[in-house]
PDB file of N, CA and C in Angstrom:
ATOM      1  N   MET A   1     139.553  35.908  73.113  1.00  0.00           N
ATOM      2  CA  MET A   1     140.359  36.666  73.187  1.00  0.00           C
ATOM      3  C   MET A   1     140.668  37.655  72.562  1.00  0.00           C
ATOM      4  N   LEU A   2     140.821  39.056  73.123  1.00  0.00           N
ATOM      5  CA  LEU A   2     141.262  40.230  72.602  1.00  0.00           C
ATOM      6  C   LEU A   2     142.153  40.447  72.042  1.00  0.00           C
ATOM      7  N   ASP A   3     142.561  40.734  70.869  1.00  0.00           N
ATOM      8  CA  ASP A   3     143.864  41.275  69.724  1.00  0.00           C
ATOM      9  C   ASP A   3     144.233  42.828  69.855  1.00  0.00           C
ATOM     10  N   HIS A   4     143.592  43.345  69.976  1.00  0.00           N
ATOM     11  CA  HIS A   4     143.818  45.074  69.982  1.00  0.00           C
ATOM     12  C   HIS A   4     142.437  46.087  70.342  1.00  0.00           C
ATOM     13  N   ILE A   5     143.117  47.012  70.626  1.00  0.00           N
ATOM     14  CA  ILE A   5     142.032  48.214  70.894  1.00  0.00           C
ATOM     15  C   ILE A   5     142.393  49.624  70.439  1.00  0.00           C
ATOM     16  N   ILE A   6     141.807  50.253  70.224  1.00  0.00           N
ATOM     17  CA  ILE A   6     141.427  51.520  69.524  1.00  0.00           C
ATOM     18  C   ILE A   6     141.469  52.492  70.293  1.00  0.00           C
ATOM     19  N   LEU A   7     141.886  53.375  71.103  1.00  0.00           N
ATOM     20  CA  LEU A   7     141.343  54.635  72.012  1.00  0.00           C
ATOM     21  C   LEU A   7     141.285  55.772  71.834  1.00  0.00           C
ATOM     22  N   SER A   8     140.312  56.488  71.154  1.00  0.00           N
ATOM     23  CA  SER A   8     140.410  57.867  70.961  1.00  0.00           C
ATOM     24  C   SER A   8     140.488  58.875  71.716  1.00  0.00           C
ATOM     25  N   VAL A   9     141.987  59.523  71.629  1.00  0.00           N
ATOM     26  CA  VAL A   9     142.091  60.262  73.276  1.00  0.00           C
ATOM     27  C   VAL A   9     142.338  61.916  72.520  1.00  0.00           C
ATOM     28  N   SER A  10     141.423  63.216  73.544  1.00  0.00           N
ATOM     29  CA  SER A  10     141.491  64.141  72.875  1.00  0.00           C
ATOM     30  C   SER A  10     142.987  65.064  72.422  1.00  0.00           C
ATOM     31  N   ASN A  11     144.023  64.139  73.581  1.00  0.00           N
ATOM     32  CA  ASN A  11     145.401  65.099  72.836  1.00  0.00           C
ATOM     33  C   ASN A  11     146.389  63.666  72.631  1.00  0.00           C
ATOM     34  N   ILE A  12     146.719  63.770  72.083  1.00  0.00           N
ATOM     35  CA  ILE A  12     148.238  62.596  71.676  1.00  0.00           C
ATOM     36  C   ILE A  12     148.903  62.594  72.624  1.00  0.00           C
ATOM     37  N   GLU A  13     149.884  64.034  72.627  1.00  0.00           N
ATOM     38  CA  GLU A  13     150.813  63.810  73.504  1.00  0.00           C
ATOM     39  C   GLU A  13     150.964  63.268  75.191  1.00  0.00           C
ATOM     40  N   ARG A  14     149.836  64.250  75.233  1.00  0.00           N
ATOM     41  CA  ARG A  14     149.539  64.177  76.742  1.00  0.00           C
ATOM     42  C   ARG A  14     149.223  62.656  76.994  1.00  0.00           C
ATOM     43  N   SER A  15     148.486  61.878  76.870  1.00  0.00           N
ATOM     44  CA  SER A  15     147.920  60.496  76.448  1.00  0.00           C
ATOM     45  C   SER A  15     149.268  59.848  76.156  1.00  0.00           C
ATOM     46  N   LEU A  16     150.213  60.034  75.366  1.00  0.00           N
ATOM     47  CA  LEU A  16     151.151  58.864  75.245  1.00  0.00           C
ATOM     48  C   LEU A  16     152.168  59.522  76.483  1.00  0.00           C
ATOM     49  N   ALA A  17     152.481  60.516  76.692  1.00  0.00           N
ATOM     50  CA  ALA A  17     153.259  60.432  78.176  1.00  0.00           C
ATOM     51  C   ALA A  17     152.547  59.471  79.418  1.00  0.00           C
ATOM     52  N   PHE A  18     151.266  59.990  79.045  1.00  0.00           N
ATOM     53  CA  PHE A  18     150.296  58.930  80.169  1.00  0.00           C
ATOM     54  C   PHE A  18     150.316  57.792  80.543  1.00  0.00           C
ATOM     55  N   TYR A  19     150.427  56.899  79.239  1.00  0.00           N
ATOM     56  CA  TYR A  19     150.372  55.521  78.946  1.00  0.00           C
ATOM     57  C   TYR A  19     152.083  54.670  79.128  1.00  0.00           C
ATOM     58  N   GLU A  20     152.729  56.045  78.548  1.00  0.00           N
ATOM     59  CA  GLU A  20     154.095  55.604  78.850  1.00  0.00           C
ATOM     60  C   GLU A  20     154.361  55.311  79.950  1.00  0.00           C
ATOM     61  N   ALA A  21     154.353  56.447  81.065  1.00  0.00           N
ATOM     62  CA  ALA A  21     154.364  56.078  82.666  1.00  0.00           C
ATOM     63  C   ALA A  21     153.110  54.829  83.447  1.00  0.00           C
ATOM     64  N   ALA A  22     152.082  54.822  82.474  1.00  0.00           N
ATOM     65  CA  ALA A  22     151.521  53.749  83.469  1.00  0.00           C
ATOM     66  C   ALA A  22     151.546  52.434  83.285  1.00  0.00           C
ATOM     67  N   LEU A  23     151.659  52.314  82.030  1.00  0.00           N
ATOM     68  CA  LEU A  23     152.058  51.300  81.794  1.00  0.00           C
ATOM     69  C   LEU A  23     153.305  50.538  81.681  1.00  0.00           C
ATOM     70  N   LYS A  24     154.261  50.921  81.903  1.00  0.00           N
ATOM     71  CA  LYS A  24     156.132  50.328  82.170  1.00  0.00           C
ATOM     72  C   LYS A  24     155.630  49.505  83.382  1.00  0.00           C
ATOM     73  N   PRO A  25     154.958  49.354  84.223  1.00  0.00           N
ATOM     74  CA  PRO A  25     155.099  48.484  84.963  1.00  0.00           C
ATOM     75  C   PRO A  25     155.142  47.160  84.236  1.00  0.00           C
ATOM     76  N   LEU A  26     153.531  47.218  83.618  1.00  0.00           N
ATOM     77  CA  LEU A  26     153.587  45.822  82.831  1.00  0.00           C
ATOM     78  C   LEU A  26     154.043  45.370  81.793  1.00  0.00           C
ATOM     79  N   ASN A  27     155.316  46.133  81.604  1.00  0.00           N
ATOM     80  CA  ASN A  27     156.219  45.966  80.193  1.00  0.00           C
ATOM     81  C   ASN A  27     155.715  45.961  79.024  1.00  0.00           C
ATOM     82  N   ILE A  28     154.682  47.205  79.161  1.00  0.00           N
ATOM     83  CA  ILE A  28     153.610  47.383  78.207  1.00  0.00           C
ATOM     84  C   ILE A  28     154.282  48.982  77.308  1.00  0.00           C
ATOM     85  N   ARG A  29     154.899  48.731  76.257  1.00  0.00           N
ATOM     86  CA  ARG A  29     155.687  50.599  75.912  1.00  0.00           C
ATOM     87  C   ARG A  29     154.865  50.613  74.641  1.00  0.00           C
ATOM     88  N   PHE A  30     155.358  51.770  74.062  1.00  0.00           N
ATOM     89  CA  PHE A  30     154.643  52.737  72.776  1.00  0.00           C
ATOM     90  C   PHE A  30     155.892  52.032  71.970  1.00  0.00           C
ATOM     91  N   PHE A  31     155.347  51.451  70.981  1.00  0.00           N
ATOM     92  CA  PHE A  31     156.972  51.027  69.751  1.00  0.00           C
ATOM     93  C   PHE A  31     156.440  51.532  68.602  1.00  0.00           C
ATOM     94  N   LEU A  32     155.528  51.736  68.055  1.00  0.00           N
ATOM     95  CA  LEU A  32     154.881  51.629  66.837  1.00  0.00           C
ATOM     96  C   LEU A  32     153.946  52.716  66.486  1.00  0.00           C
ATOM     97  N   PRO A  33     154.492  53.723  66.045  1.00  0.00           N
ATOM     98  CA  PRO A  33     153.932  54.865  64.925  1.00  0.00           C
ATOM     99  C   PRO A  33     153.377  54.464  63.706  1.00  0.00           C
ATOM    100  N   TYR A  34     152.047  54.179  63.480  1.00  0.00           N
ATOM    101  CA  TYR A  34     151.311  54.210  62.250  1.00  0.00           C
ATOM    102  C   TYR A  34     150.789  55.194  61.511  1.00  0.00           C
ATOM    103  N   LYS A  35     151.357  55.609  60.290  1.00  0.00           N
ATOM    104  CA  LYS A  35     151.382  56.425  59.918  1.00  0.00           C
ATOM    105  C   LYS A  35     149.848  56.468  59.041  1.00  0.00           C
ATOM    106  N   GLY A  36     148.831  56.587  59.337  1.00  0.00           N
ATOM    107  CA  GLY A  36     147.824  56.711  58.197  1.00  0.00           C
ATOM    108  C   GLY A  36     147.461  56.702  56.666  1.00  0.00           C
ATOM    109  N   GLU A  37     147.301  56.273  56.253  1.00  0.00           N
ATOM    110  CA  GLU A  37     147.240  56.351  54.423  1.00  0.00           C
ATOM    111  C   GLU A  37     145.660  56.405  53.990  1.00  0.00           C
ATOM    112  N   ASN A  38     145.212  57.228  52.999  1.00  0.00           N
ATOM    113  CA  ASN A  38     143.992  56.549  51.920  1.00  0.00           C
ATOM    114  C   ASN A  38     143.080  56.423  53.693  1.00  0.00           C
ATOM    115  N   GLY A  39     142.623  57.583  54.006  1.00  0.00           N
ATOM    116  CA  GLY A  39     141.986  57.502  55.129  1.00  0.00           C
ATOM    117  C   GLY A  39     141.807  56.783  56.892  1.00  0.00           C
ATOM    118  N   HIS A  40     143.001  56.388  56.538  1.00  0.00           N
ATOM    119  CA  HIS A  40     143.208  55.290  57.556  1.00  0.00           C
ATOM    120  C   HIS A  40     143.657  56.650  58.525  1.00  0.00           C
ATOM    121  N   PRO A  41     143.145  56.724  60.087  1.00  0.00           N
ATOM    122  CA  PRO A  41     144.065  57.474  60.748  1.00  0.00           C
ATOM    123  C   PRO A  41     145.524  57.170  61.554  1.00  0.00           C
ATOM    124  N   ASP A  42     146.061  58.194  61.995  1.00  0.00           N
ATOM    125  CA  ASP A  42     147.417  58.033  62.091  1.00  0.00           C
ATOM    126  C   ASP A  42     147.300  57.184  63.709  1.00  0.00           C
ATOM    127  N   LEU A  43     148.241  56.212  64.304  1.00  0.00           N
ATOM    128  CA  LEU A  43     148.035  55.558  65.292  1.00  0.00           C
ATOM    129  C   LEU A  43     148.801  55.342  65.917  1.00  0.00           C
ATOM    130  N   TRP A  44     149.132  55.288  66.788  1.00  0.00           N
ATOM    131  CA  TRP A  44     150.030  55.241  67.589  1.00  0.00           C
ATOM    132  C   TRP A  44     149.990  53.685  69.063  1.00  0.00           C
ATOM    133  N   GLY A  45     151.062  52.690  68.839  1.00  0.00           N
ATOM    134  CA  GLY A  45     150.785  51.503  69.005  1.00  0.00           C
ATOM    135  C   GLY A  45     151.826  51.067  70.175  1.00  0.00           C
ATOM    136  N   PHE A  46     151.281  50.217  71.564  1.00  0.00           N
ATOM    137  CA  PHE A  46     152.250  49.967  72.553  1.00  0.00           C
ATOM    138  C   PHE A  46     151.923  48.409  72.618  1.00  0.00           C
ATOM    139  N   GLY A  47     152.602  47.686  72.981  1.00  0.00           N
ATOM    140  CA  GLY A  47     152.921  46.188  73.237  1.00  0.00           C
ATOM    141  C   GLY A  47     153.939  45.849  73.707  1.00  0.00           C
ATOM    142  N   ASP A  48     154.535  45.134  73.315  1.00  0.00           N
ATOM    143  CA  ASP A  48     155.984  44.320  74.102  1.00  0.00           C
ATOM    144  C   ASP A  48     157.059  44.526  73.440  1.00  0.00           C
ATOM    145  N   GLY A  49     156.687  44.825  72.250  1.00  0.00           N
ATOM    146  CA  GLY A  49     157.847  45.588  71.081  1.00  0.00           C
ATOM    147  C   GLY A  49     158.248  44.372  69.902  1.00  0.00           C
ATOM    148  N   LYS A  50     157.241  43.997  70.114  1.00  0.00           N
ATOM    149  CA  LYS A  50     157.172  43.053  68.906  1.00  0.00           C
ATOM    150  C   LYS A  50     155.581  43.183  68.365  1.00  0.00           C
ATOM    151  N   ARG A  51     154.412  42.836  69.032  1.00  0.00           N
ATOM    152  CA  ARG A  51     153.072  43.456  68.952  1.00  0.00           C
ATOM    153  C   ARG A  51     152.738  44.255  69.459  1.00  0.00           C
ATOM    154  N   ALA A  52     151.984  45.153  68.727  1.00  0.00           N
ATOM    155  CA  ALA A  52     151.155  46.284  69.462  1.00  0.00           C
ATOM    156  C   ALA A  52     149.987  46.025  69.405  1.00  0.00           C
ATOM    157  N   CYS A  53     149.311  45.836  71.091  1.00  0.00           N
ATOM    158  CA  CYS A  53     147.831  45.650  71.274  1.00  0.00           C
ATOM    159  C   CYS A  53     147.090  46.305  71.888  1.00  0.00           C
ATOM    160  N   PHE A  54     147.551  47.683  72.103  1.00  0.00           N
ATOM    161  CA  PHE A  54     146.663  49.271  72.637  1.00  0.00           C
ATOM    162  C   PHE A  54     147.128  50.024  71.654  1.00  0.00           C
ATOM    163  N   TRP A  55     146.117  50.876  71.150  1.00  0.00           N
ATOM    164  CA  TRP A  55     146.425  51.659  70.275  1.00  0.00           C
ATOM    165  C   TRP A  55     145.822  52.957  70.049  1.00  0.00           C
ATOM    166  N   LEU A  56     146.414  54.160  70.447  1.00  0.00           N
ATOM    167  CA  LEU A  56     145.727  55.499  70.372  1.00  0.00           C
ATOM    168  C   LEU A  56     145.921  56.156  69.004  1.00  0.00           C
ATOM    169  N   LYS A  57     144.793  57.175  68.783  1.00  0.00           N
ATOM    170  CA  LYS A  57     144.117  57.536  67.658  1.00  0.00           C
ATOM    171  C   LYS A  57     143.368  59.277  68.370  1.00  0.00           C
ATOM    172  N   GLN A  58     144.246  60.342  67.851  1.00  0.00           N
ATOM    173  CA  GLN A  58     143.791  61.644  68.000  1.00  0.00           C
ATOM    174  C   GLN A  58     141.981  61.650  67.384  1.00  0.00           C
ATOM    175  N   GLY A  59     140.869  61.859  68.748  1.00  0.00           N
ATOM    176  CA  GLY A  59     139.899  61.994  68.367  1.00  0.00           C
ATOM    177  C   GLY A  59     138.900  63.054  69.411  1.00  0.00           C
ATOM    178  N   THR A  60     137.943  62.530  69.783  1.00  0.00           N
ATOM    179  CA  THR A  60     136.590  62.501  70.751  1.00  0.00           C
ATOM    180  C   THR A  60     136.770  61.685  71.361  1.00  0.00           C
ATOM    181  N   PRO A  61     137.382  61.570  73.034  1.00  0.00           N
ATOM    182  CA  PRO A  61     137.071  60.685  73.714  1.00  0.00           C
ATOM    183  C   PRO A  61     135.407  60.166  74.159  1.00  0.00           C
ATOM    184  N   ASN A  62     135.479  59.024  73.974  1.00  0.00           N
ATOM    185  CA  ASN A  62     134.417  58.188  74.334  1.00  0.00           C
ATOM    186  C   ASN A  62     133.964  57.905  76.348  1.00  0.00           C
ATOM    187  N   PRO A  63     134.142  58.787  76.974  1.00  0.00           N
ATOM    188  CA  PRO A  63     134.709  57.496  78.086  1.00  0.00           C
ATOM    189  C   PRO A  63     133.994  56.508  78.372  1.00  0.00           C
ATOM    190  N   ALA A  64     132.387  56.691  78.452  1.00  0.00           N
ATOM    191  CA  ALA A  64     131.467  56.039  78.721  1.00  0.00           C
ATOM    192  C   ALA A  64     131.176  54.766  78.085  1.00  0.00           C
ATOM    193  N   ALA A  65     131.767  54.671  76.454  1.00  0.00           N
ATOM    194  CA  ALA A  65     131.336  53.783  75.627  1.00  0.00           C
ATOM    195  C   ALA A  65     132.563  52.567  76.130  1.00  0.00           C
ATOM    196  N   ILE A  66     133.417  52.619  77.010  1.00  0.00           N
ATOM    197  CA  ILE A  66     134.630  51.457  76.796  1.00  0.00           C
ATOM    198  C   ILE A  66     135.147  51.377  78.254  1.00  0.00           C
ATOM    199  N   HIS A  67     135.333  50.110  78.304  1.00  0.00           N
ATOM    200  CA  HIS A  67     136.447  50.021  80.089  1.00  0.00           C
ATOM    201  C   HIS A  67     136.899  48.729  79.579  1.00  0.00           C
ATOM    202  N   TRP A  68     138.349  48.414  80.185  1.00  0.00           N
ATOM    203  CA  TRP A  68     138.900  47.412  79.573  1.00  0.00           C
ATOM    204  C   TRP A  68     140.172  47.433  80.344  1.00  0.00           C
ATOM    205  N   GLY A  69     140.913  46.317  80.171  1.00  0.00           N
ATOM    206  CA  GLY A  69     141.439  45.424  81.672  1.00  0.00           C
ATOM    207  C   GLY A  69     143.035  45.231  81.243  1.00  0.00           C
ATOM    208  N   PHE A  70     144.081  45.623  81.533  1.00  0.00           N
ATOM    209  CA  PHE A  70     145.790  45.039  81.211  1.00  0.00           C
ATOM    210  C   PHE A  70     145.918  43.828  82.489  1.00  0.00           C
ATOM    211  N   LYS A  71     146.280  42.211  82.077  1.00  0.00           N
ATOM    212  CA  LYS A  71     146.496  41.446  82.860  1.00  0.00           C
ATOM    213  C   LYS A  71     148.131  41.845  83.381  1.00  0.00           C
ATOM    214  N   ALA A  72     147.869  41.774  84.366  1.00  0.00           N
ATOM    215  CA  ALA A  72     149.322  41.563  85.625  1.00  0.00           C
ATOM    216  C   ALA A  72     149.717  40.462  85.875  1.00  0.00           C
ATOM    217  N   GLU A  73     151.225  40.171  85.977  1.00  0.00           N
ATOM    218  CA  GLU A  73     151.687  39.042  86.378  1.00  0.00           C
ATOM    219  C   GLU A  73     151.317  38.539  88.334  1.00  0.00           C
ATOM    220  N   SER A  74     151.278  39.435  88.714  1.00  0.00           N
ATOM    221  CA  SER A  74     151.161  39.201  90.114  1.00  0.00           C
ATOM    222  C   SER A  74     150.280  40.154  90.720  1.00  0.00           C
ATOM    223  N   ASN A  75     149.890  40.717  92.348  1.00  0.00           N
ATOM    224  CA  ASN A  75     149.429  41.746  92.705  1.00  0.00           C
ATOM    225  C   ASN A  75     150.229  42.707  93.089  1.00  0.00           C
ATOM    226  N   ALA A  76     151.710  42.574  93.182  1.00  0.00           N
ATOM    227  CA  ALA A  76     153.138  43.680  93.151  1.00  0.00           C
ATOM    228  C   ALA A  76     152.378  44.386  91.861  1.00  0.00           C
ATOM    229  N   GLN A  77     152.416  44.101  90.719  1.00  0.00           N
ATOM    230  CA  GLN A  77     152.416  44.456  89.554  1.00  0.00           C
ATOM    231  C   GLN A  77     151.490  45.541  89.361  1.00  0.00           C
ATOM    232  N   VAL A  78     150.328  45.146  90.426  1.00  0.00           N
ATOM    233  CA  VAL A  78     149.270  45.451  90.022  1.00  0.00           C
ATOM    234  C   VAL A  78     149.616  47.205  90.913  1.00  0.00           C
ATOM    235  N   ASP A  79     149.867  46.550  92.051  1.00  0.00           N
ATOM    236  CA  ASP A  79     150.295  48.191  92.947  1.00  0.00           C
ATOM    237  C   ASP A  79     151.569  48.626  92.247  1.00  0.00           C
ATOM    238  N   GLU A  80     152.058  47.938  91.858  1.00  0.00           N
ATOM    239  CA  GLU A  80     153.509  49.496  91.003  1.00  0.00           C
ATOM    240  C   GLU A  80     152.615  49.702  89.890  1.00  0.00           C
ATOM    241  N   PHE A  81     151.712  49.378  88.909  1.00  0.00           N
ATOM    242  CA  PHE A  81     151.083  49.750  87.840  1.00  0.00           C
ATOM    243  C   PHE A  81     150.059  51.135  88.731  1.00  0.00           C
ATOM    244  N   TYR A  82     149.172  50.899  89.819  1.00  0.00           N
ATOM    245  CA  TYR A  82     148.531  51.818  90.372  1.00  0.00           C
ATOM    246  C   TYR A  82     149.156  53.130  90.460  1.00  0.00           C
ATOM    247  N   ARG A  83     150.723  52.725  91.552  1.00  0.00           N
ATOM    248  CA  ARG A  83     151.804  54.011  91.830  1.00  0.00           C
ATOM    249  C   ARG A  83     151.970  54.772  90.391  1.00  0.00           C
ATOM    250  N   ALA A  84     152.047  53.952  89.775  1.00  0.00           N
ATOM    251  CA  ALA A  84     153.108  54.872  88.535  1.00  0.00           C
ATOM    252  C   ALA A  84     151.692  55.633  87.454  1.00  0.00           C
ATOM    253  N   ALA A  85     150.443  55.137  87.561  1.00  0.00           N
ATOM    254  CA  ALA A  85     149.632  56.033  86.488  1.00  0.00           C
ATOM    255  C   ALA A  85     148.693  56.885  87.654  1.00  0.00           C
ATOM    256  N   ILE A  86     148.925  56.883  89.024  1.00  0.00           N
ATOM    257  CA  ILE A  86     148.676  58.019  89.398  1.00  0.00           C
ATOM    258  C   ILE A  86     149.879  58.786  89.703  1.00  0.00           C
ATOM    259  N   ASN A  87     151.191  58.454  89.663  1.00  0.00           N
ATOM    260  CA  ASN A  87     152.093  59.706  89.633  1.00  0.00           C
ATOM    261  C   ASN A  87     152.139  59.845  88.444  1.00  0.00           C
ATOM    262  N   ALA A  88     151.622  59.350  87.319  1.00  0.00           N
ATOM    263  CA  ALA A  88     151.244  60.099  86.028  1.00  0.00           C
ATOM    264  C   ALA A  88     150.148  60.891  85.304  1.00  0.00           C
ATOM    265  N   GLY A  89     149.317  60.810  86.763  1.00  0.00           N
ATOM    266  CA  GLY A  89     148.025  62.200  86.509  1.00  0.00           C
ATOM    267  C   GLY A  89     146.819  61.121  86.418  1.00  0.00           C
ATOM    268  N   ALA A  90     146.425  59.973  87.005  1.00  0.00           N
ATOM    269  CA  ALA A  90     145.738  59.400  86.751  1.00  0.00           C
ATOM    270  C   ALA A  90     144.722  59.620  88.249  1.00  0.00           C
ATOM    271  N   LYS A  91     143.524  59.866  87.917  1.00  0.00           N
ATOM    272  CA  LYS A  91     142.492  59.624  89.426  1.00  0.00           C
ATOM    273  C   LYS A  91     142.512  58.256  89.569  1.00  0.00           C
ATOM    274  N   ASP A  92     142.112  58.082  90.944  1.00  0.00           N
ATOM    275  CA  ASP A  92     141.877  56.964  91.396  1.00  0.00           C
ATOM    276  C   ASP A  92     139.742  56.799  91.187  1.00  0.00           C
ATOM    277  N   ASN A  93     140.038  55.315  90.966  1.00  0.00           N
ATOM    278  CA  ASN A  93     138.852  54.900  90.562  1.00  0.00           C
ATOM    279  C   ASN A  93     138.432  53.968  91.417  1.00  0.00           C
ATOM    280  N   ILE A  94     139.173  52.933  91.905  1.00  0.00           N
ATOM    281  CA  ILE A  94     138.842  52.006  92.525  1.00  0.00           C
ATOM    282  C   ILE A  94     140.701  50.884  93.053  1.00  0.00           C
ATOM    283  N   SER A  95     140.973  51.766  94.256  1.00  0.00           N
ATOM    284  CA  SER A  95     142.228  51.614  94.367  1.00  0.00           C
ATOM    285  C   SER A  95     142.594  49.916  94.326  1.00  0.00           C
ATOM    286  N   PRO A  96     143.934  49.447  94.831  1.00  0.00           N
ATOM    287  CA  PRO A  96     143.856  48.198  94.100  1.00  0.00           C
ATOM    288  C   PRO A  96     143.723  47.533  95.611  1.00  0.00           C
ATOM    289  N   ARG A  97     143.179  46.264  95.655  1.00  0.00           N
ATOM    290  CA  ARG A  97     142.730  45.421  96.247  1.00  0.00           C
ATOM    291  C   ARG A  97     141.976  44.029  96.251  1.00  0.00           C
ATOM    292  N   ALA A  98     141.772  43.302  96.695  1.00  0.00           N
ATOM    293  CA  ALA A  98     141.096  42.193  96.104  1.00  0.00           C
ATOM    294  C   ALA A  98     139.780  42.475  95.909  1.00  0.00           C
ATOM    295  N   ARG A  99     138.868  41.768  94.699  1.00  0.00           N
ATOM    296  CA  ARG A  99     137.468  42.107  94.264  1.00  0.00           C
ATOM    297  C   ARG A  99     137.101  40.821  94.648  1.00  0.00           C
ATOM    298  N   LEU A 100     136.809  40.000  95.475  1.00  0.00           N
ATOM    299  CA  LEU A 100     135.734  38.987  95.706  1.00  0.00           C
ATOM    300  C   LEU A 100     134.261  39.030  95.423  1.00  0.00           C
ATOM    301  N   GLU A 101     133.884  40.171  95.114  1.00  0.00           N
ATOM    302  CA  GLU A 101     132.386  40.003  94.679  1.00  0.00           C
ATOM    303  C   GLU A 101     132.637  39.590  93.302  1.00  0.00           C
ATOM    304  N   TYR A 102     133.929  39.366  92.630  1.00  0.00           N
ATOM    305  CA  TYR A 102     133.996  39.127  91.406  1.00  0.00           C
ATOM    306  C   TYR A 102     134.320  37.241  91.423  1.00  0.00           C
ATOM    307  N   TYR A 103     135.515  36.826  92.297  1.00  0.00           N
ATOM    308  CA  TYR A 103     135.753  35.659  92.699  1.00  0.00           C
ATOM    309  C   TYR A 103     136.906  35.725  93.076  1.00  0.00           C
ATOM    310  N   PRO A 104     137.292  34.520  94.057  1.00  0.00           N
ATOM    311  CA  PRO A 104     138.719  34.250  94.663  1.00  0.00           C
ATOM    312  C   PRO A 104     139.449  34.546  93.949  1.00  0.00           C
ATOM    313  N   GLY A 105     140.392  35.217  94.535  1.00  0.00           N
ATOM    314  CA  GLY A 105     141.752  35.488  93.065  1.00  0.00           C
ATOM    315  C   GLY A 105     142.421  36.459  92.550  1.00  0.00           C
ATOM    316  N   TYR A 106     140.988  36.870  92.283  1.00  0.00           N
ATOM    317  CA  TYR A 106     140.827  38.345  91.437  1.00  0.00           C
ATOM    318  C   TYR A 106     141.341  39.532  92.592  1.00  0.00           C
ATOM    319  N   TYR A 107     143.036  40.397  92.082  1.00  0.00           N
ATOM    320  CA  TYR A 107     143.000  41.551  92.604  1.00  0.00           C
ATOM    321  C   TYR A 107     143.171  42.374  91.758  1.00  0.00           C
ATOM    322  N   ALA A 108     142.405  43.838  91.891  1.00  0.00           N
ATOM    323  CA  ALA A 108     142.797  44.743  90.740  1.00  0.00           C
ATOM    324  C   ALA A 108     142.755  46.168  91.475  1.00  0.00           C
ATOM    325  N   ALA A 109     143.287  46.883  90.278  1.00  0.00           N
ATOM    326  CA  ALA A 109     143.241  48.595  90.364  1.00  0.00           C
ATOM    327  C   ALA A 109     142.365  48.803  89.266  1.00  0.00           C
ATOM    328  N   ASP A 110     141.804  50.238  89.502  1.00  0.00           N
ATOM    329  CA  ASP A 110     141.284  50.611  88.289  1.00  0.00           C
ATOM    330  C   ASP A 110     141.350  52.304  88.760  1.00  0.00           C
ATOM    331  N   VAL A 111     141.859  52.973  87.451  1.00  0.00           N
ATOM    332  CA  VAL A 111     142.338  54.067  87.672  1.00  0.00           C
ATOM    333  C   VAL A 111     141.667  55.057  86.435  1.00  0.00           C
ATOM    334  N   LEU A 112     141.564  55.953  86.672  1.00  0.00           N
ATOM    335  CA  LEU A 112     140.665  57.103  85.073  1.00  0.00           C
ATOM    336  C   LEU A 112     142.056  58.099  84.575  1.00  0.00           C
ATOM    337  N   ASP A 113     141.915  57.836  83.268  1.00  0.00           N
ATOM    338  CA  ASP A 113     143.008  58.327  81.869  1.00  0.00           C
ATOM    339  C   ASP A 113     143.012  59.988  82.439  1.00  0.00           C
ATOM    340  N   PRO A 114     143.443  60.193  81.688  1.00  0.00           N
ATOM    341  CA  PRO A 114     143.338  61.793  81.515  1.00  0.00           C
ATOM    342  C   PRO A 114     142.418  62.145  80.764  1.00  0.00           C
ATOM    343  N   ASP A 115     141.667  61.722  79.961  1.00  0.00           N
ATOM    344  CA  ASP A 115     139.779  61.885  79.262  1.00  0.00           C
ATOM    345  C   ASP A 115     139.054  61.144  79.883  1.00  0.00           C
ATOM    346  N   GLY A 116     139.564  60.199  81.366  1.00  0.00           N
ATOM    347  CA  GLY A 116     138.261  60.269  81.853  1.00  0.00           C
ATOM    348  C   GLY A 116     137.973  58.320  81.883  1.00  0.00           C
ATOM    349  N   TYR A 117     138.824  57.696  81.064  1.00  0.00           N
ATOM    350  CA  TYR A 117     138.257  56.760  80.835  1.00  0.00           C
ATOM    351  C   TYR A 117     138.609  55.597  82.004  1.00  0.00           C
ATOM    352  N   SER A 118     137.957  54.948  82.195  1.00  0.00           N
ATOM    353  CA  SER A 118     138.283  53.993  82.764  1.00  0.00           C
ATOM    354  C   SER A 118     139.096  52.776  82.772  1.00  0.00           C
ATOM    355  N   PHE A 119     139.745  52.557  83.537  1.00  0.00           N
ATOM    356  CA  PHE A 119     140.639  51.021  83.063  1.00  0.00           C
ATOM    357  C   PHE A 119     141.490  50.551  84.122  1.00  0.00           C
ATOM    358  N   GLU A 120     141.525  48.958  84.164  1.00  0.00           N
ATOM    359  CA  GLU A 120     141.668  48.625  85.172  1.00  0.00           C
ATOM    360  C   GLU A 120     143.210  47.356  84.476  1.00  0.00           C
ATOM    361  N   VAL A 121     143.779  47.158  85.663  1.00  0.00           N
ATOM    362  CA  VAL A 121     145.042  46.331  85.619  1.00  0.00           C
ATOM    363  C   VAL A 121     144.397  45.108  86.863  1.00  0.00           C
ATOM    364  N   VAL A 122     144.513  43.866  86.315  1.00  0.00           N
ATOM    365  CA  VAL A 122     144.242  42.851  87.130  1.00  0.00           C
ATOM    366  C   VAL A 122     145.035  41.663  87.223  1.00  0.00           C
ATOM    367  N   HIS A 123     145.768  40.738  88.537  1.00  0.00           N
ATOM    368  CA  HIS A 123     145.806  39.768  88.341  1.00  0.00           C
ATOM    369  C   HIS A 123     144.941  38.633  89.277  1.00  0.00           C
ATOM    370  N   LYS A 124     144.900  37.550  88.385  1.00  0.00           N
ATOM    371  CA  LYS A 124     143.998  36.580  88.163  1.00  0.00           C
ATOM    372  C   LYS A 124     144.893  34.662  89.007  1.00  0.00           C
ATOM    373  N   SER A 125     144.570  34.857  89.954  1.00  0.00           N
ATOM    374  CA  SER A 125     145.776  33.908  90.776  1.00  0.00           C
ATOM    375  C   SER A 125     144.621  32.798  91.392  1.00  0.00           C
TER     376      SER A 125
END
């Protein structure tokens, strides 16, 4: 089970605005800035307001190195995420649809963030 992920982005302000808008339908929000010390980088944490699971840091992006998926509670939430992400500047990678090639009940959308990272939101019924 995934506990957290740290994503290097080229422009922290742009990525904060993008992820705040794109993840809002999933009830994932930015709430935890971490000021790095002793060689640890500054981080910006997203989560449920109690626990951060998705972090951003300023750095050199490597979109080919990672793909991740956020869990949705319904197909409608996948659709809502997709609209919010596209409106926030994402590029379509795979529009919302059943992904039966994985297995029955897999419904997902995949977008590219401002640095070109591919990430998915999936509802598994």
